[in-house]
Amino acid sequence: MFTFAKKMKGIYSILFIFWMVFMISAQVSKINTVKHALHNYPTKEGNVLYEGFESGVFPPLGWRLQASGNRMTWDTASFDPYEGHYYVHCLYDDSLTSVQDEYLITPVLDFSTFTSAVLHFYFQFSKYWGIYPHNNYDLYVLVSTDSGQTFTDTIWNETMVDTSTWDSYEWVKAEVSLNNYVGQHKVALAFVYHGFDGAEAALDQIQIETVGGNISYESSSLYVYPNPATNYIKIQSSRPVHLKVFSAEGQLMLEKNMLFFEKVHINDLAPGLYFLQVFEGEKCNVLTFVKQ
């Protein structure tokens, strides 16, 4: 009996070692998969808007929230991103006794120089609570052409992606033409959770690809400092530039030609987020800064 017990103990030990090797291999494989995914992100270069929510800061710089009530449930999450570490979701708010209507609004975008524009993003949604047998909530994309003050056009909802091709809470790609807004210079999009007694909706990798024009939202050769700023800002550039300062609502606040490292006084600006259009010859870059 003692010999049999020792043999069984040895077998269990060998099985345990094999199990540990298998688990470690699986974890290594998972880590390598994640690293590979991170290296295949679409970049901001060439997109007038790109947001993957990877900063973990919410709302992202230049974005804002709006809701019919005081509570807002749009927030970052890390449980199940499309890729990377973070995404955003809006949760069903069971404390409400009326319709939940929450807007996640992009920065104001200038489409005046483009010939075409397409919105791409990934979403998650509950078919059971939002389509059939219940139709308690919806996920919309709305468009504003007055810097996000009013959203008059609904250009997308979850049923516009063939519902027979996707399941609840799986990442689904959406693609929406924005060509009707080419030529506009105060465009904003709102991702809207609307309904009562619904379920979770989620978004990841929101980007707008454009043709024509020369505006990008990042530049390796330009930056603004100090940021945040109190009395003045400077733009690092290798040559003279033409500068326009816009409020977050799209209002032109300041315009001037400036030389290398010249101070731009911002004492008269109210605290908040501002956008800079910086023209270097025919090239235009858009930067942001915060006035304290």
Protein backbone atom coordinates (compact mmCIF):
# COMPACT_ATOMS: atom_id res chain seq x y z
CA MET A 1 0.00 0.00 0.00
CA PHE A 2 2.84 2.37 0.87
CA THR A 3 4.60 1.65 -2.44
CA PHE A 4 1.34 2.22 -4.38
CA ALA A 5 0.78 5.55 -2.58
CA LYS A 6 4.32 6.65 -3.44
CA LYS A 7 3.77 5.73 -7.09
CA MET A 8 0.50 7.67 -7.21
CA LYS A 9 2.15 10.67 -5.57
CA GLY A 10 4.89 10.55 -8.23
CA ILE A 11 2.33 10.42 -11.02
CA TYR A 12 0.42 13.37 -9.54
CA SER A 13 3.67 15.32 -9.29
CA ILE A 14 4.46 14.68 -12.96
CA LEU A 15 0.92 15.68 -13.99
CA PHE A 16 1.19 18.83 -11.89
CA ILE A 17 4.48 19.78 -13.60
CA PHE A 18 2.93 19.24 -17.05
CA TRP A 19 -0.05 21.38 -16.02
CA MET A 20 2.22 24.21 -14.83
CA VAL A 21 4.24 24.13 -18.08
CA PHE A 22 0.99 24.30 -20.06
CA MET A 23 -0.35 27.27 -18.06
CA ILE A 24 2.94 29.19 -18.34
CA SER A 25 3.02 28.56 -22.11
CA ALA A 26 -0.55 29.79 -22.41
CA GLN A 27 0.26 32.97 -20.49
CA VAL A 28 3.33 33.64 -22.64
CA SER A 29 1.23 33.12 -25.76
CA LYS A 30 -1.40 35.52 -24.44
CA ILE A 31 1.21 38.16 -23.61
CA ASN A 32 2.79 37.86 -27.05
CA THR A 33 -0.62 38.19 -28.68
CA VAL A 34 -1.34 41.40 -26.77
CA LYS A 35 2.04 42.85 -27.68
CA HIS A 36 1.42 42.05 -31.33
CA ALA A 37 -1.97 43.76 -31.18
CA LEU A 38 -0.46 46.88 -29.66
CA HIS A 39 2.00 47.17 -32.54
CA ASN A 40 -0.83 47.07 -35.08
CA TYR A 41 -2.81 50.08 -33.95
CA PRO A 42 -3.92 52.53 -36.63
CA THR A 43 -1.98 55.71 -35.97
CA LYS A 44 -3.11 59.31 -35.72
CA GLU A 45 -1.03 60.18 -38.75
CA GLY A 46 -3.33 60.86 -41.71
CA ASN A 47 -6.53 60.90 -39.64
CA VAL A 48 -8.32 64.10 -38.73
CA LEU A 49 -9.52 62.23 -35.63
CA TYR A 50 -8.23 59.11 -33.91
CA GLU A 51 -9.15 58.00 -30.39
CA GLY A 52 -8.34 54.60 -28.95
CA PHE A 53 -8.77 55.74 -25.29
CA GLU A 54 -5.37 54.32 -24.43
CA SER A 55 -4.42 57.27 -22.22
CA GLY A 56 -6.96 56.10 -19.64
CA VAL A 57 -7.94 59.78 -19.19
CA PHE A 58 -11.63 60.44 -19.57
CA PRO A 59 -13.01 62.30 -21.31
CA PRO A 60 -10.02 62.50 -23.68
CA LEU A 61 -8.51 65.90 -24.37
CA GLY A 62 -10.93 67.97 -26.44
CA TRP A 63 -13.88 65.60 -25.89
CA ARG A 64 -16.82 66.44 -23.63
CA LEU A 65 -19.87 64.86 -22.02
CA GLN A 66 -23.48 65.98 -22.07
CA ALA A 67 -26.52 64.41 -20.46
CA SER A 68 -30.18 65.25 -19.92
CA GLY A 69 -29.74 64.60 -16.18
CA ASN A 70 -26.92 65.16 -13.71
CA ARG A 71 -25.58 61.61 -13.82
CA MET A 72 -23.21 60.52 -16.59
CA THR A 73 -22.13 56.90 -16.96
CA TRP A 74 -19.83 57.10 -20.01
CA ASP A 75 -16.41 56.09 -18.70
CA THR A 76 -13.26 54.16 -19.54
CA ALA A 77 -13.09 50.41 -18.95
CA SER A 78 -10.42 47.74 -19.30
CA PHE A 79 -12.37 44.48 -19.05
CA ASP A 80 -12.74 43.76 -22.78
CA PRO A 81 -11.05 46.26 -25.14
CA TYR A 82 -11.07 45.68 -28.89
CA GLU A 83 -7.29 46.07 -28.73
CA GLY A 84 -4.87 47.51 -26.21
CA HIS A 85 -5.86 48.19 -22.62
CA TYR A 86 -8.85 50.55 -22.60
CA TYR A 87 -12.15 51.35 -24.29
CA VAL A 88 -15.20 53.40 -23.26
CA HIS A 89 -18.65 52.24 -22.28
CA CYS A 90 -21.97 53.62 -21.12
CA LEU A 91 -23.78 51.55 -18.52
CA TYR A 92 -27.48 51.17 -17.86
CA ASP A 93 -28.28 53.53 -14.98
CA ASP A 94 -30.88 51.78 -12.81
CA SER A 95 -31.19 54.86 -10.58
CA LEU A 96 -33.08 56.75 -13.31
CA THR A 97 -36.85 56.77 -13.60
CA SER A 98 -36.88 58.36 -17.05
CA VAL A 99 -35.00 58.06 -20.35
CA GLN A 100 -31.22 57.88 -20.16
CA ASP A 101 -29.77 60.26 -22.78
CA GLU A 102 -25.97 60.63 -22.65
CA TYR A 103 -23.70 62.24 -25.26
CA LEU A 104 -19.97 61.59 -25.76
CA ILE A 105 -18.89 64.46 -28.04
CA THR A 106 -15.76 64.72 -30.18
CA PRO A 107 -13.61 67.83 -30.56
CA VAL A 108 -14.74 70.32 -33.20
CA LEU A 109 -13.36 69.27 -36.60
CA ASP A 110 -12.55 71.27 -39.72
CA PHE A 111 -13.66 69.50 -42.92
CA SER A 112 -13.31 72.58 -45.12
CA THR A 113 -10.31 71.29 -47.12
CA PHE A 114 -11.33 67.64 -47.57
CA THR A 115 -12.92 65.95 -50.57
CA SER A 116 -14.24 62.94 -48.63
CA ALA A 117 -14.42 61.68 -45.05
CA VAL A 118 -15.34 58.32 -43.48
CA LEU A 119 -15.96 57.49 -39.83
CA HIS A 120 -14.79 54.08 -38.57
CA PHE A 121 -15.31 52.68 -35.08
CA TYR A 122 -15.96 49.47 -33.14
CA PHE A 123 -18.98 48.99 -30.89
CA GLN A 124 -20.53 46.48 -28.49
CA PHE A 125 -24.25 46.24 -27.82
CA SER A 126 -26.90 43.92 -26.33
CA LYS A 127 -29.25 42.55 -28.98
CA TYR A 128 -31.49 41.08 -26.26
CA TRP A 129 -32.10 44.41 -24.49
CA GLY A 130 -31.74 46.75 -27.47
CA ILE A 131 -33.18 44.95 -30.51
CA TYR A 132 -35.19 41.77 -29.79
CA PRO A 133 -37.17 40.76 -27.77
CA HIS A 134 -36.68 44.12 -26.04
CA ASN A 135 -36.04 47.45 -27.74
CA ASN A 136 -35.17 49.43 -24.64
CA TYR A 137 -32.11 51.39 -25.77
CA ASP A 138 -30.12 52.54 -28.80
CA LEU A 139 -26.63 53.71 -29.71
CA TYR A 140 -26.60 56.63 -32.14
CA VAL A 141 -24.08 58.80 -33.98
CA LEU A 142 -25.26 62.39 -34.43
CA VAL A 143 -23.63 65.26 -36.31
CA SER A 144 -23.44 68.97 -35.55
CA THR A 145 -22.21 71.67 -37.93
CA ASP A 146 -22.25 74.47 -35.35
CA SER A 147 -19.38 73.34 -33.10
CA GLY A 148 -21.49 70.87 -31.16
CA GLN A 149 -24.13 73.31 -29.94
CA THR A 150 -26.98 71.46 -31.70
CA PHE A 151 -27.02 67.94 -33.14
CA THR A 152 -29.60 67.82 -35.92
CA ASP A 153 -28.53 64.83 -38.06
CA THR A 154 -28.65 61.17 -37.05
CA ILE A 155 -26.27 59.29 -39.34
CA TRP A 156 -26.01 55.87 -37.66
CA ASN A 157 -27.52 53.45 -35.14
CA GLU A 158 -26.76 49.85 -34.22
CA THR A 159 -29.29 48.36 -36.65
CA MET A 160 -27.41 49.83 -39.64
CA VAL A 161 -24.90 46.98 -39.29
CA ASP A 162 -26.75 43.82 -40.38
CA THR A 163 -27.91 42.43 -37.03
CA SER A 164 -27.82 38.84 -38.33
CA THR A 165 -24.02 39.03 -38.65
CA TRP A 166 -23.10 39.88 -35.06
CA ASP A 167 -23.87 38.75 -31.50
CA SER A 168 -24.40 40.62 -28.24
CA TYR A 169 -21.27 42.10 -26.68
CA GLU A 170 -18.90 41.18 -29.49
CA TRP A 171 -16.85 43.92 -31.14
CA VAL A 172 -18.47 44.98 -34.42
CA LYS A 173 -16.97 47.40 -36.93
CA ALA A 174 -19.08 50.31 -38.17
CA GLU A 175 -18.32 52.52 -41.16
CA VAL A 176 -20.22 55.74 -41.90
CA SER A 177 -19.73 58.23 -44.73
CA LEU A 178 -19.29 61.85 -43.66
CA ASN A 179 -19.21 63.20 -47.21
CA ASN A 180 -22.33 65.30 -46.60
CA TYR A 181 -20.24 67.43 -44.23
CA VAL A 182 -17.23 68.02 -46.49
CA GLY A 183 -16.67 71.76 -46.74
CA GLN A 184 -17.91 72.43 -43.19
CA HIS A 185 -15.44 73.80 -40.63
CA LYS A 186 -17.33 73.36 -37.35
CA VAL A 187 -18.22 69.66 -37.39
CA ALA A 188 -18.66 67.63 -34.19
CA LEU A 189 -19.91 64.08 -33.69
CA ALA A 190 -21.86 62.75 -30.71
CA PHE A 191 -22.00 59.08 -29.71
CA VAL A 192 -25.31 58.85 -27.90
CA TYR A 193 -26.69 56.26 -25.49
CA HIS A 194 -30.49 56.66 -25.44
CA GLY A 195 -33.14 54.55 -23.74
CA PHE A 196 -34.63 53.23 -20.53
CA ASP A 197 -34.01 49.88 -18.83
CA GLY A 198 -31.33 49.03 -21.37
CA ALA A 199 -27.87 47.50 -21.06
CA GLU A 200 -24.23 48.34 -21.73
CA ALA A 201 -22.96 49.97 -24.95
CA ALA A 202 -19.23 50.28 -25.68
CA LEU A 203 -16.90 51.97 -28.19
CA ASP A 204 -13.26 51.62 -29.23
CA GLN A 205 -10.89 52.86 -31.96
CA ILE A 206 -12.86 55.82 -33.27
CA GLN A 207 -11.22 57.37 -36.33
CA ILE A 208 -12.05 59.58 -39.29
CA GLU A 209 -10.14 58.98 -42.50
CA THR A 210 -10.11 61.79 -45.06
CA VAL A 211 -9.03 62.49 -48.62
CA GLY A 212 -7.68 65.87 -49.64
CA GLY A 213 -6.68 68.71 -47.38
CA ASN A 214 -3.64 68.87 -45.17
CA ILE A 215 -4.83 69.04 -41.58
CA SER A 216 -3.63 66.51 -39.01
CA TYR A 217 -4.14 66.48 -35.27
CA GLU A 218 -0.57 65.73 -34.35
CA SER A 219 2.75 67.03 -35.57
CA SER A 220 6.26 65.82 -34.85
CA SER A 221 7.83 69.19 -35.79
CA LEU A 222 5.53 71.49 -33.82
CA TYR A 223 4.51 71.76 -30.22
CA VAL A 224 3.07 74.36 -27.92
CA TYR A 225 4.48 75.24 -24.50
CA PRO A 226 4.00 75.85 -21.65
CA ASN A 227 0.95 73.63 -21.51
CA PRO A 228 -1.10 74.26 -19.40
CA ALA A 229 -0.41 78.00 -19.79
CA THR A 230 -1.36 81.09 -17.82
CA ASN A 231 -0.15 84.29 -19.50
CA TYR A 232 1.38 83.22 -22.82
CA ILE A 233 2.22 80.31 -25.10
CA LYS A 234 5.05 79.67 -27.56
CA ILE A 235 4.96 77.52 -30.68
CA GLN A 236 8.14 75.69 -31.58
CA SER A 237 8.57 75.89 -35.35
CA SER A 238 11.47 75.97 -37.80
CA ARG A 239 9.97 78.91 -39.71
CA PRO A 240 7.39 81.71 -39.36
CA VAL A 241 3.79 80.53 -39.05
CA HIS A 242 0.26 81.87 -39.22
CA LEU A 243 -1.67 81.06 -36.06
CA LYS A 244 -5.38 80.82 -35.29
CA VAL A 245 -6.72 80.09 -31.78
CA PHE A 246 -10.19 78.57 -31.44
CA SER A 247 -12.25 77.87 -28.34
CA ALA A 248 -13.55 74.34 -27.69
CA GLU A 249 -16.86 75.54 -29.19
CA GLY A 250 -15.16 76.52 -32.45
CA GLN A 251 -15.11 80.31 -31.96
CA LEU A 252 -12.09 82.13 -33.41
CA MET A 253 -10.43 83.89 -30.45
CA LEU A 254 -7.07 85.04 -31.85
CA GLU A 255 -5.23 85.22 -35.18
CA LYS A 256 -1.72 86.44 -35.96
CA ASN A 257 1.49 85.88 -37.87
CA MET A 258 4.38 84.96 -35.64
CA LEU A 259 8.12 84.42 -35.85
CA PHE A 260 10.29 81.72 -34.29
CA PHE A 261 9.56 81.20 -30.56
CA GLU A 262 7.55 84.43 -30.34
CA LYS A 263 5.27 84.72 -27.30
CA VAL A 264 1.51 84.70 -27.90
CA HIS A 265 -0.20 86.43 -25.00
CA ILE A 266 -3.39 84.72 -23.82
CA ASN A 267 -4.23 86.83 -20.75
CA ASP A 268 -7.64 87.73 -22.19
CA LEU A 269 -8.71 84.14 -22.76
CA ALA A 270 -10.99 82.44 -20.26
CA PRO A 271 -9.69 79.24 -18.60
CA GLY A 272 -10.36 76.13 -20.67
CA LEU A 273 -9.31 74.05 -23.66
CA TYR A 274 -8.23 75.75 -26.92
CA PHE A 275 -7.31 74.53 -30.40
CA LEU A 276 -4.47 76.00 -32.47
CA GLN A 277 -4.42 75.96 -36.24
CA VAL A 278 -0.78 76.46 -37.17
CA PHE A 279 -0.13 77.16 -40.86
CA GLU A 280 3.39 76.50 -42.17
CA GLY A 281 3.10 77.55 -45.79
CA GLU A 282 0.34 75.37 -47.24
CA LYS A 283 0.51 72.83 -44.42
CA CYS A 284 -1.86 73.15 -41.47
CA ASN A 285 -1.44 71.36 -38.13
CA VAL A 286 -3.85 71.41 -35.22
CA LEU A 287 -2.51 71.50 -31.66
CA THR A 288 -4.23 71.97 -28.31
CA PHE A 289 -3.44 73.77 -25.07
CA VAL A 290 -5.16 74.47 -21.77
CA LYS A 291 -5.45 78.00 -20.37
CA GLN A 292 -5.36 77.94 -16.57
